[in-house]
Amino acid sequence: MRIFADVADSTENRAWFLQLKERLKRDFDQLDIWMITHPIEVL
């Protein structure tokens, strides 16, 4: 499954996603879950 989320690069958003990753690993009984970030430049 792929989910795309377009959010501002902030300390608060990074912390939230790190917490989400840990919760998803626990809820889905996974060793790891890939969460990847990419900078986006709007032209």
Protein backbone atom coordinates (compact mmCIF):
# COMPACT_ATOMS: atom_id res chain seq x y z
CA MET A 1 0.00 0.00 0.00
CA ARG A 2 1.21 3.52 -0.71
CA ILE A 3 -0.05 6.63 0.97
CA PHE A 4 1.08 10.09 -0.05
CA ALA A 5 0.95 13.02 2.36
CA ASP A 6 1.93 16.53 1.34
CA VAL A 7 2.83 18.48 4.50
CA ALA A 8 5.19 21.27 5.45
CA ASP A 9 8.69 20.26 6.53
CA SER A 10 8.55 21.19 10.19
CA THR A 11 9.88 19.74 13.42
CA GLU A 12 6.33 19.07 14.60
CA ASN A 13 5.36 17.20 11.42
CA ARG A 14 8.53 15.09 11.51
CA ALA A 15 7.86 14.16 15.16
CA TRP A 16 4.25 13.26 14.35
CA PHE A 17 5.29 10.99 11.47
CA LEU A 18 7.94 9.27 13.60
CA GLN A 19 5.28 8.55 16.23
CA LEU A 20 2.90 7.34 13.52
CA LYS A 21 5.57 5.00 12.16
CA GLU A 22 6.11 3.40 15.57
CA ARG A 23 2.36 2.99 16.09
CA LEU A 24 1.88 1.40 12.65
CA LYS A 25 4.78 -1.00 13.24
CA ARG A 26 3.15 -2.08 16.49
CA ASP A 27 -0.42 -2.22 15.13
CA PHE A 28 0.55 -4.23 12.02
CA ASP A 29 3.21 -6.31 13.81
CA GLN A 30 5.96 -5.21 11.40
CA LEU A 31 9.71 -5.10 11.93
CA ASP A 32 9.92 -1.87 9.97
CA ILE A 33 7.84 0.43 7.79
CA TRP A 34 9.40 2.63 5.13
CA MET A 35 8.55 6.28 5.32
CA ILE A 36 10.38 8.38 2.76
CA THR A 37 10.61 12.15 2.42
CA HIS A 38 11.46 14.19 -0.64
CA PRO A 39 11.84 17.94 -0.97
CA ILE A 40 9.30 19.45 -3.37
CA GLU A 41 9.77 22.72 -5.17
CA VAL A 42 6.63 24.30 -6.57
CA LEU A 43 7.39 26.23 -9.75
